[in-house]
Amino acid sequence: MGTKEKLIERFKKLPKDFAYDEVVRLFGIFGYTENTKGSTSGSRIEFIAPDGKDSFMLHKPHPSNVIKSYVMKQILAYINENELIEKYEQNKK
């Protein structure tokens, strides 16, 4: 199991210490890019799908770098609804 697969497995367990940097890497595995929406966005971050048709928005955690549990559940729901893990595994083969 490679580091990408380990990160996906770790995320699926919804750990209480999952950091924002790990979320960036997780979305990166699925081909998403991080967009800060300019200087007026504050802590709002958008992850844009490779085709540009879909996105997921969240607020960057502060002062801590740890993602809140309700946000983790929202991310998991988004990943499951869009079948990102399944698509990643199919493309990997």
PDB file of N, CA and C in Angstrom:
ATOM      1  N   MET A   1       0.843  -1.176   0.000  1.00  0.00           N
ATOM      2  CA  MET A   1       0.000   0.000   0.000  1.00  0.00           C
ATOM      3  C   MET A   1       0.889   1.240   0.000  1.00  0.00           C
ATOM      4  N   GLY A   2       0.681   2.100  -0.973  1.00  0.00           N
ATOM      5  CA  GLY A   2       1.480   3.315  -1.089  1.00  0.00           C
ATOM      6  C   GLY A   2       1.000   4.421  -0.160  1.00  0.00           C
ATOM      7  N   THR A   3       1.695   5.538  -0.190  1.00  0.00           N
ATOM      8  CA  THR A   3       1.351   6.646   0.710  1.00  0.00           C
ATOM      9  C   THR A   3      -0.019   7.246   0.386  1.00  0.00           C
ATOM     10  N   LYS A   4      -0.400   7.266  -0.885  1.00  0.00           N
ATOM     11  CA  LYS A   4      -1.717   7.795  -1.254  1.00  0.00           C
ATOM     12  C   LYS A   4      -2.822   6.924  -0.687  1.00  0.00           C
ATOM     13  N   GLU A   5      -2.663   5.616  -0.818  1.00  0.00           N
ATOM     14  CA  GLU A   5      -3.661   4.689  -0.300  1.00  0.00           C
ATOM     15  C   GLU A   5      -3.739   4.763   1.226  1.00  0.00           C
ATOM     16  N   LYS A   6      -2.579   4.936   1.867  1.00  0.00           N
ATOM     17  CA  LYS A   6      -2.553   5.056   3.332  1.00  0.00           C
ATOM     18  C   LYS A   6      -3.290   6.318   3.787  1.00  0.00           C
ATOM     19  N   LEU A   7      -3.100   7.414   3.051  1.00  0.00           N
ATOM     20  CA  LEU A   7      -3.786   8.658   3.389  1.00  0.00           C
ATOM     21  C   LEU A   7      -5.295   8.497   3.228  1.00  0.00           C
ATOM     22  N   ILE A   8      -5.737   7.851   2.153  1.00  0.00           N
ATOM     23  CA  ILE A   8      -7.168   7.616   1.935  1.00  0.00           C
ATOM     24  C   ILE A   8      -7.736   6.758   3.057  1.00  0.00           C
ATOM     25  N   GLU A   9      -7.036   5.694   3.420  1.00  0.00           N
ATOM     26  CA  GLU A   9      -7.502   4.816   4.503  1.00  0.00           C
ATOM     27  C   GLU A   9      -7.557   5.566   5.828  1.00  0.00           C
ATOM     28  N   ARG A  10      -6.556   6.377   6.091  1.00  0.00           N
ATOM     29  CA  ARG A  10      -6.544   7.170   7.333  1.00  0.00           C
ATOM     30  C   ARG A  10      -7.735   8.122   7.364  1.00  0.00           C
ATOM     31  N   PHE A  11      -7.999   8.776   6.245  1.00  0.00           N
ATOM     32  CA  PHE A  11      -9.120   9.707   6.178  1.00  0.00           C
ATOM     33  C   PHE A  11     -10.450   9.002   6.420  1.00  0.00           C
ATOM     34  N   LYS A  12     -10.643   7.833   5.820  1.00  0.00           N
ATOM     35  CA  LYS A  12     -11.919   7.118   5.949  1.00  0.00           C
ATOM     36  C   LYS A  12     -12.246   6.762   7.390  1.00  0.00           C
ATOM     37  N   LYS A  13     -11.237   6.722   8.248  1.00  0.00           N
ATOM     38  CA  LYS A  13     -11.459   6.436   9.676  1.00  0.00           C
ATOM     39  C   LYS A  13     -11.869   7.696  10.446  1.00  0.00           C
ATOM     40  N   LEU A  14     -11.903   8.841   9.769  1.00  0.00           N
ATOM     41  CA  LEU A  14     -12.265  10.132  10.352  1.00  0.00           C
ATOM     42  C   LEU A  14     -11.500  10.426  11.645  1.00  0.00           C
ATOM     43  N   PRO A  15     -10.164  10.469  11.561  1.00  0.00           N
ATOM     44  CA  PRO A  15      -9.376  10.730  12.771  1.00  0.00           C
ATOM     45  C   PRO A  15      -9.590  12.151  13.289  1.00  0.00           C
ATOM     46  N   LYS A  16      -9.410  12.325  14.563  1.00  0.00           N
ATOM     47  CA  LYS A  16      -9.622  13.638  15.189  1.00  0.00           C
ATOM     48  C   LYS A  16      -8.436  14.582  14.977  1.00  0.00           C
ATOM     49  N   ASP A  17      -7.323  14.069  14.433  1.00  0.00           N
ATOM     50  CA  ASP A  17      -6.128  14.889  14.252  1.00  0.00           C
ATOM     51  C   ASP A  17      -5.751  15.068  12.779  1.00  0.00           C
ATOM     52  N   PHE A  18      -6.734  14.997  11.885  1.00  0.00           N
ATOM     53  CA  PHE A  18      -6.488  15.141  10.457  1.00  0.00           C
ATOM     54  C   PHE A  18      -6.237  16.618  10.158  1.00  0.00           C
ATOM     55  N   ALA A  19      -5.084  16.928   9.581  1.00  0.00           N
ATOM     56  CA  ALA A  19      -4.667  18.312   9.363  1.00  0.00           C
ATOM     57  C   ALA A  19      -5.118  18.834   7.998  1.00  0.00           C
ATOM     58  N   TYR A  20      -5.156  20.155   7.887  1.00  0.00           N
ATOM     59  CA  TYR A  20      -5.542  20.801   6.632  1.00  0.00           C
ATOM     60  C   TYR A  20      -4.612  20.388   5.489  1.00  0.00           C
ATOM     61  N   ASP A  21      -3.323  20.288   5.763  1.00  0.00           N
ATOM     62  CA  ASP A  21      -2.362  19.885   4.733  1.00  0.00           C
ATOM     63  C   ASP A  21      -2.701  18.506   4.175  1.00  0.00           C
ATOM     64  N   GLU A  22      -3.214  17.630   5.035  1.00  0.00           N
ATOM     65  CA  GLU A  22      -3.606  16.296   4.585  1.00  0.00           C
ATOM     66  C   GLU A  22      -4.838  16.374   3.692  1.00  0.00           C
ATOM     67  N   VAL A  23      -5.746  17.303   3.970  1.00  0.00           N
ATOM     68  CA  VAL A  23      -6.923  17.490   3.111  1.00  0.00           C
ATOM     69  C   VAL A  23      -6.477  17.956   1.730  1.00  0.00           C
ATOM     70  N   VAL A  24      -5.513  18.866   1.685  1.00  0.00           N
ATOM     71  CA  VAL A  24      -4.983  19.343   0.403  1.00  0.00           C
ATOM     72  C   VAL A  24      -4.384  18.172  -0.376  1.00  0.00           C
ATOM     73  N   ARG A  25      -3.606  17.328   0.305  1.00  0.00           N
ATOM     74  CA  ARG A  25      -3.009  16.157  -0.361  1.00  0.00           C
ATOM     75  C   ARG A  25      -4.089  15.176  -0.810  1.00  0.00           C
ATOM     76  N   LEU A  26      -5.129  14.988   0.027  1.00  0.00           N
ATOM     77  CA  LEU A  26      -6.213  14.068  -0.311  1.00  0.00           C
ATOM     78  C   LEU A  26      -6.928  14.518  -1.583  1.00  0.00           C
ATOM     79  N   PHE A  27      -7.321  15.788  -1.634  1.00  0.00           N
ATOM     80  CA  PHE A  27      -7.979  16.282  -2.842  1.00  0.00           C
ATOM     81  C   PHE A  27      -7.025  16.251  -4.034  1.00  0.00           C
ATOM     82  N   GLY A  28      -5.741  16.456  -3.800  1.00  0.00           N
ATOM     83  CA  GLY A  28      -4.749  16.377  -4.860  1.00  0.00           C
ATOM     84  C   GLY A  28      -4.674  14.986  -5.477  1.00  0.00           C
ATOM     85  N   ILE A  29      -4.851  13.964  -4.662  1.00  0.00           N
ATOM     86  CA  ILE A  29      -4.861  12.579  -5.156  1.00  0.00           C
ATOM     87  C   ILE A  29      -5.962  12.414  -6.196  1.00  0.00           C
ATOM     88  N   PHE A  30      -7.085  13.082  -5.966  1.00  0.00           N
ATOM     89  CA  PHE A  30      -8.224  12.970  -6.878  1.00  0.00           C
ATOM     90  C   PHE A  30      -8.154  13.974  -8.027  1.00  0.00           C
ATOM     91  N   GLY A  31      -7.047  14.722  -8.114  1.00  0.00           N
ATOM     92  CA  GLY A  31      -6.848  15.652  -9.213  1.00  0.00           C
ATOM     93  C   GLY A  31      -7.411  17.044  -8.977  1.00  0.00           C
ATOM     94  N   TYR A  32      -7.885  17.322  -7.787  1.00  0.00           N
ATOM     95  CA  TYR A  32      -8.467  18.625  -7.476  1.00  0.00           C
ATOM     96  C   TYR A  32      -7.357  19.643  -7.215  1.00  0.00           C
ATOM     97  N   THR A  33      -7.645  20.899  -7.530  1.00  0.00           N
ATOM     98  CA  THR A  33      -6.697  21.970  -7.258  1.00  0.00           C
ATOM     99  C   THR A  33      -7.288  22.905  -6.208  1.00  0.00           C
ATOM    100  N   GLU A  34      -6.409  23.488  -5.432  1.00  0.00           N
ATOM    101  CA  GLU A  34      -6.805  24.390  -4.355  1.00  0.00           C
ATOM    102  C   GLU A  34      -6.890  25.813  -4.905  1.00  0.00           C
ATOM    103  N   ASN A  35      -7.976  26.497  -4.593  1.00  0.00           N
ATOM    104  CA  ASN A  35      -8.177  27.870  -5.050  1.00  0.00           C
ATOM    105  C   ASN A  35      -8.584  28.715  -3.849  1.00  0.00           C
ATOM    106  N   THR A  36      -7.861  29.808  -3.621  1.00  0.00           N
ATOM    107  CA  THR A  36      -8.153  30.663  -2.470  1.00  0.00           C
ATOM    108  C   THR A  36      -9.166  31.753  -2.786  1.00  0.00           C
ATOM    109  N   LYS A  37      -9.593  31.877  -4.019  1.00  0.00           N
ATOM    110  CA  LYS A  37     -10.594  32.853  -4.442  1.00  0.00           C
ATOM    111  C   LYS A  37     -10.137  34.296  -4.231  1.00  0.00           C
ATOM    112  N   GLY A  38      -8.846  34.540  -4.203  1.00  0.00           N
ATOM    113  CA  GLY A  38      -8.330  35.907  -4.110  1.00  0.00           C
ATOM    114  C   GLY A  38      -8.162  36.402  -2.682  1.00  0.00           C
ATOM    115  N   SER A  39      -7.774  37.641  -2.561  1.00  0.00           N
ATOM    116  CA  SER A  39      -7.454  38.203  -1.246  1.00  0.00           C
ATOM    117  C   SER A  39      -8.688  38.475  -0.401  1.00  0.00           C
ATOM    118  N   THR A  40      -9.863  38.496  -0.985  1.00  0.00           N
ATOM    119  CA  THR A  40     -11.081  38.789  -0.225  1.00  0.00           C
ATOM    120  C   THR A  40     -11.773  37.542   0.306  1.00  0.00           C
ATOM    121  N   SER A  41     -11.187  36.384   0.094  1.00  0.00           N
ATOM    122  CA  SER A  41     -11.867  35.144   0.489  1.00  0.00           C
ATOM    123  C   SER A  41     -11.709  34.829   1.963  1.00  0.00           C
ATOM    124  N   GLY A  42     -10.766  35.461   2.638  1.00  0.00           N
ATOM    125  CA  GLY A  42     -10.521  35.132   4.039  1.00  0.00           C
ATOM    126  C   GLY A  42      -9.985  33.724   4.141  1.00  0.00           C
ATOM    127  N   SER A  43     -10.598  32.907   4.977  1.00  0.00           N
ATOM    128  CA  SER A  43     -10.136  31.533   5.141  1.00  0.00           C
ATOM    129  C   SER A  43     -10.883  30.551   4.250  1.00  0.00           C
ATOM    130  N   ARG A  44     -11.716  31.052   3.360  1.00  0.00           N
ATOM    131  CA  ARG A  44     -12.504  30.189   2.482  1.00  0.00           C
ATOM    132  C   ARG A  44     -11.628  29.625   1.368  1.00  0.00           C
ATOM    133  N   ILE A  45     -11.658  28.306   1.244  1.00  0.00           N
ATOM    134  CA  ILE A  45     -10.855  27.595   0.243  1.00  0.00           C
ATOM    135  C   ILE A  45     -11.791  26.738  -0.609  1.00  0.00           C
ATOM    136  N   GLU A  46     -11.501  26.684  -1.896  1.00  0.00           N
ATOM    137  CA  GLU A  46     -12.291  25.864  -2.804  1.00  0.00           C
ATOM    138  C   GLU A  46     -11.365  24.863  -3.481  1.00  0.00           C
ATOM    139  N   PHE A  47     -11.805  23.616  -3.514  1.00  0.00           N
ATOM    140  CA  PHE A  47     -11.085  22.576  -4.241  1.00  0.00           C
ATOM    141  C   PHE A  47     -11.877  22.303  -5.514  1.00  0.00           C
ATOM    142  N   ILE A  48     -11.229  22.514  -6.646  1.00  0.00           N
ATOM    143  CA  ILE A  48     -11.902  22.441  -7.941  1.00  0.00           C
ATOM    144  C   ILE A  48     -11.533  21.137  -8.638  1.00  0.00           C
ATOM    145  N   ALA A  49     -12.562  20.452  -9.154  1.00  0.00           N
ATOM    146  CA  ALA A  49     -12.381  19.184  -9.856  1.00  0.00           C
ATOM    147  C   ALA A  49     -11.538  19.381 -11.108  1.00  0.00           C
ATOM    148  N   PRO A  50     -10.880  18.307 -11.570  1.00  0.00           N
ATOM    149  CA  PRO A  50     -10.032  18.409 -12.766  1.00  0.00           C
ATOM    150  C   PRO A  50     -10.776  18.937 -13.994  1.00  0.00           C
ATOM    151  N   ASP A  51     -12.062  18.600 -14.119  1.00  0.00           N
ATOM    152  CA  ASP A  51     -12.826  19.072 -15.278  1.00  0.00           C
ATOM    153  C   ASP A  51     -13.394  20.478 -15.065  1.00  0.00           C
ATOM    154  N   GLY A  52     -13.238  21.016 -13.863  1.00  0.00           N
ATOM    155  CA  GLY A  52     -13.708  22.363 -13.560  1.00  0.00           C
ATOM    156  C   GLY A  52     -15.203  22.486 -13.355  1.00  0.00           C
ATOM    157  N   LYS A  53     -15.932  21.385 -13.410  1.00  0.00           N
ATOM    158  CA  LYS A  53     -17.390  21.423 -13.313  1.00  0.00           C
ATOM    159  C   LYS A  53     -17.898  21.290 -11.879  1.00  0.00           C
ATOM    160  N   ASP A  54     -17.061  20.821 -10.977  1.00  0.00           N
ATOM    161  CA  ASP A  54     -17.504  20.571  -9.608  1.00  0.00           C
ATOM    162  C   ASP A  54     -16.465  21.107  -8.642  1.00  0.00           C
ATOM    163  N   SER A  55     -16.894  21.402  -7.426  1.00  0.00           N
ATOM    164  CA  SER A  55     -15.949  21.887  -6.429  1.00  0.00           C
ATOM    165  C   SER A  55     -16.476  21.610  -5.024  1.00  0.00           C
ATOM    166  N   PHE A  56     -15.558  21.689  -4.071  1.00  0.00           N
ATOM    167  CA  PHE A  56     -15.897  21.553  -2.658  1.00  0.00           C
ATOM    168  C   PHE A  56     -15.285  22.739  -1.935  1.00  0.00           C
ATOM    169  N   MET A  57     -16.113  23.415  -1.125  1.00  0.00           N
ATOM    170  CA  MET A  57     -15.642  24.605  -0.431  1.00  0.00           C
ATOM    171  C   MET A  57     -15.624  24.355   1.076  1.00  0.00           C
ATOM    172  N   LEU A  58     -14.577  24.882   1.719  1.00  0.00           N
ATOM    173  CA  LEU A  58     -14.486  24.794   3.175  1.00  0.00           C
ATOM    174  C   LEU A  58     -13.725  25.993   3.692  1.00  0.00           C
ATOM    175  N   HIS A  59     -13.772  26.172   4.997  1.00  0.00           N
ATOM    176  CA  HIS A  59     -12.994  27.226   5.633  1.00  0.00           C
ATOM    177  C   HIS A  59     -11.742  26.604   6.226  1.00  0.00           C
ATOM    178  N   LYS A  60     -10.621  27.212   5.922  1.00  0.00           N
ATOM    179  CA  LYS A  60      -9.345  26.741   6.448  1.00  0.00           C
ATOM    180  C   LYS A  60      -9.380  26.897   7.971  1.00  0.00           C
ATOM    181  N   PRO A  61      -9.030  25.825   8.691  1.00  0.00           N
ATOM    182  CA  PRO A  61      -9.130  25.900  10.150  1.00  0.00           C
ATOM    183  C   PRO A  61      -8.105  26.863  10.743  1.00  0.00           C
ATOM    184  N   HIS A  62      -8.516  27.531  11.812  1.00  0.00           N
ATOM    185  CA  HIS A  62      -7.599  28.414  12.527  1.00  0.00           C
ATOM    186  C   HIS A  62      -8.111  28.578  13.942  1.00  0.00           C
ATOM    187  N   PRO A  63      -7.338  28.791  14.918  1.00  0.00           N
ATOM    188  CA  PRO A  63      -5.885  28.925  14.862  1.00  0.00           C
ATOM    189  C   PRO A  63      -5.181  27.577  14.683  1.00  0.00           C
ATOM    190  N   SER A  64      -5.851  26.499  14.998  1.00  0.00           N
ATOM    191  CA  SER A  64      -5.268  25.166  14.838  1.00  0.00           C
ATOM    192  C   SER A  64      -5.336  24.757  13.369  1.00  0.00           C
ATOM    193  N   ASN A  65      -4.525  23.794  12.978  1.00  0.00           N
ATOM    194  CA  ASN A  65      -4.503  23.293  11.609  1.00  0.00           C
ATOM    195  C   ASN A  65      -5.365  22.037  11.461  1.00  0.00           C
ATOM    196  N   VAL A  66      -6.026  21.624  12.552  1.00  0.00           N
ATOM    197  CA  VAL A  66      -6.795  20.381  12.566  1.00  0.00           C
ATOM    198  C   VAL A  66      -8.215  20.637  12.054  1.00  0.00           C
ATOM    199  N   ILE A  67      -8.675  19.739  11.185  1.00  0.00           N
ATOM    200  CA  ILE A  67     -10.005  19.841  10.598  1.00  0.00           C
ATOM    201  C   ILE A  67     -11.053  19.388  11.619  1.00  0.00           C
ATOM    202  N   LYS A  68     -12.124  20.140  11.744  1.00  0.00           N
ATOM    203  CA  LYS A  68     -13.211  19.799  12.669  1.00  0.00           C
ATOM    204  C   LYS A  68     -13.930  18.542  12.194  1.00  0.00           C
ATOM    205  N   SER A  69     -14.509  17.811  13.144  1.00  0.00           N
ATOM    206  CA  SER A  69     -15.139  16.529  12.804  1.00  0.00           C
ATOM    207  C   SER A  69     -16.329  16.699  11.864  1.00  0.00           C
ATOM    208  N   TYR A  70     -17.115  17.774  12.019  1.00  0.00           N
ATOM    209  CA  TYR A  70     -18.260  17.953  11.121  1.00  0.00           C
ATOM    210  C   TYR A  70     -17.797  18.237   9.693  1.00  0.00           C
ATOM    211  N   VAL A  71     -16.650  18.902   9.533  1.00  0.00           N
ATOM    212  CA  VAL A  71     -16.101  19.166   8.198  1.00  0.00           C
ATOM    213  C   VAL A  71     -15.578  17.865   7.594  1.00  0.00           C
ATOM    214  N   MET A  72     -14.962  17.032   8.438  1.00  0.00           N
ATOM    215  CA  MET A  72     -14.479  15.724   7.965  1.00  0.00           C
ATOM    216  C   MET A  72     -15.646  14.912   7.405  1.00  0.00           C
ATOM    217  N   LYS A  73     -16.772  14.940   8.098  1.00  0.00           N
ATOM    218  CA  LYS A  73     -17.957  14.195   7.636  1.00  0.00           C
ATOM    219  C   LYS A  73     -18.487  14.777   6.332  1.00  0.00           C
ATOM    220  N   GLN A  74     -18.443  16.108   6.192  1.00  0.00           N
ATOM    221  CA  GLN A  74     -18.878  16.744   4.944  1.00  0.00           C
ATOM    222  C   GLN A  74     -17.974  16.346   3.784  1.00  0.00           C
ATOM    223  N   ILE A  75     -16.671  16.320   4.037  1.00  0.00           N
ATOM    224  CA  ILE A  75     -15.718  15.921   2.998  1.00  0.00           C
ATOM    225  C   ILE A  75     -15.951  14.472   2.603  1.00  0.00           C
ATOM    226  N   LEU A  76     -16.132  13.590   3.604  1.00  0.00           N
ATOM    227  CA  LEU A  76     -16.381  12.171   3.321  1.00  0.00           C
ATOM    228  C   LEU A  76     -17.660  11.999   2.507  1.00  0.00           C
ATOM    229  N   ALA A  77     -18.709  12.726   2.862  1.00  0.00           N
ATOM    230  CA  ALA A  77     -19.963  12.648   2.114  1.00  0.00           C
ATOM    231  C   ALA A  77     -19.749  13.090   0.665  1.00  0.00           C
ATOM    232  N   TYR A  78     -19.001  14.167   0.462  1.00  0.00           N
ATOM    233  CA  TYR A  78     -18.716  14.657  -0.887  1.00  0.00           C
ATOM    234  C   TYR A  78     -17.928  13.616  -1.687  1.00  0.00           C
ATOM    235  N   ILE A  79     -16.912  13.041  -1.052  1.00  0.00           N
ATOM    236  CA  ILE A  79     -16.093  12.030  -1.725  1.00  0.00           C
ATOM    237  C   ILE A  79     -16.929  10.813  -2.098  1.00  0.00           C
ATOM    238  N   ASN A  80     -17.815  10.388  -1.195  1.00  0.00           N
ATOM    239  CA  ASN A  80     -18.668   9.229  -1.472  1.00  0.00           C
ATOM    240  C   ASN A  80     -19.700   9.531  -2.549  1.00  0.00           C
ATOM    241  N   GLU A  81     -20.328  10.711  -2.490  1.00  0.00           N
ATOM    242  CA  GLU A  81     -21.337  11.087  -3.491  1.00  0.00           C
ATOM    243  C   GLU A  81     -20.744  11.136  -4.899  1.00  0.00           C
ATOM    244  N   ASN A  82     -19.524  11.605  -4.991  1.00  0.00           N
ATOM    245  CA  ASN A  82     -18.873  11.745  -6.299  1.00  0.00           C
ATOM    246  C   ASN A  82     -18.003  10.545  -6.661  1.00  0.00           C
ATOM    247  N   GLU A  83     -18.017   9.528  -5.800  1.00  0.00           N
ATOM    248  CA  GLU A  83     -17.294   8.270  -6.019  1.00  0.00           C
ATOM    249  C   GLU A  83     -15.828   8.511  -6.369  1.00  0.00           C
ATOM    250  N   LEU A  84     -15.196   9.445  -5.666  1.00  0.00           N
ATOM    251  CA  LEU A  84     -13.814   9.804  -5.976  1.00  0.00           C
ATOM    252  C   LEU A  84     -12.837   8.674  -5.680  1.00  0.00           C
ATOM    253  N   ILE A  85     -13.070   7.937  -4.605  1.00  0.00           N
ATOM    254  CA  ILE A  85     -12.168   6.827  -4.264  1.00  0.00           C
ATOM    255  C   ILE A  85     -12.277   5.725  -5.312  1.00  0.00           C
ATOM    256  N   GLU A  86     -13.497   5.405  -5.707  1.00  0.00           N
ATOM    257  CA  GLU A  86     -13.698   4.363  -6.719  1.00  0.00           C
ATOM    258  C   GLU A  86     -13.056   4.768  -8.045  1.00  0.00           C
ATOM    259  N   LYS A  87     -13.230   6.021  -8.447  1.00  0.00           N
ATOM    260  CA  LYS A  87     -12.643   6.496  -9.702  1.00  0.00           C
ATOM    261  C   LYS A  87     -11.114   6.469  -9.636  1.00  0.00           C
ATOM    262  N   TYR A  88     -10.565   6.845  -8.470  1.00  0.00           N
ATOM    263  CA  TYR A  88      -9.108   6.802  -8.293  1.00  0.00           C
ATOM    264  C   TYR A  88      -8.590   5.380  -8.435  1.00  0.00           C
ATOM    265  N   GLU A  89      -9.286   4.434  -7.799  1.00  0.00           N
ATOM    266  CA  GLU A  89      -8.847   3.043  -7.855  1.00  0.00           C
ATOM    267  C   GLU A  89      -8.952   2.467  -9.259  1.00  0.00           C
ATOM    268  N   GLN A  90      -9.972   2.882 -10.017  1.00  0.00           N
ATOM    269  CA  GLN A  90     -10.109   2.416 -11.400  1.00  0.00           C
ATOM    270  C   GLN A  90      -9.000   2.987 -12.279  1.00  0.00           C
ATOM    271  N   ASN A  91      -8.662   4.238 -12.094  1.00  0.00           N
ATOM    272  CA  ASN A  91      -7.611   4.884 -12.893  1.00  0.00           C
ATOM    273  C   ASN A  91      -6.229   4.342 -12.553  1.00  0.00           C
ATOM    274  N   LYS A  92      -6.091   3.849 -11.333  1.00  0.00           N
ATOM    275  CA  LYS A  92      -4.801   3.335 -10.874  1.00  0.00           C
ATOM    276  C   LYS A  92      -4.450   2.016 -11.555  1.00  0.00           C
ATOM    277  N   LYS A  93      -5.455   1.279 -11.974  1.00  0.00           N
ATOM    278  CA  LYS A  93      -5.230  -0.049 -12.563  1.00  0.00           C
ATOM    279  C   LYS A  93      -4.655   0.012 -13.947  1.00  0.00           C
TER     280      LYS A  93
END
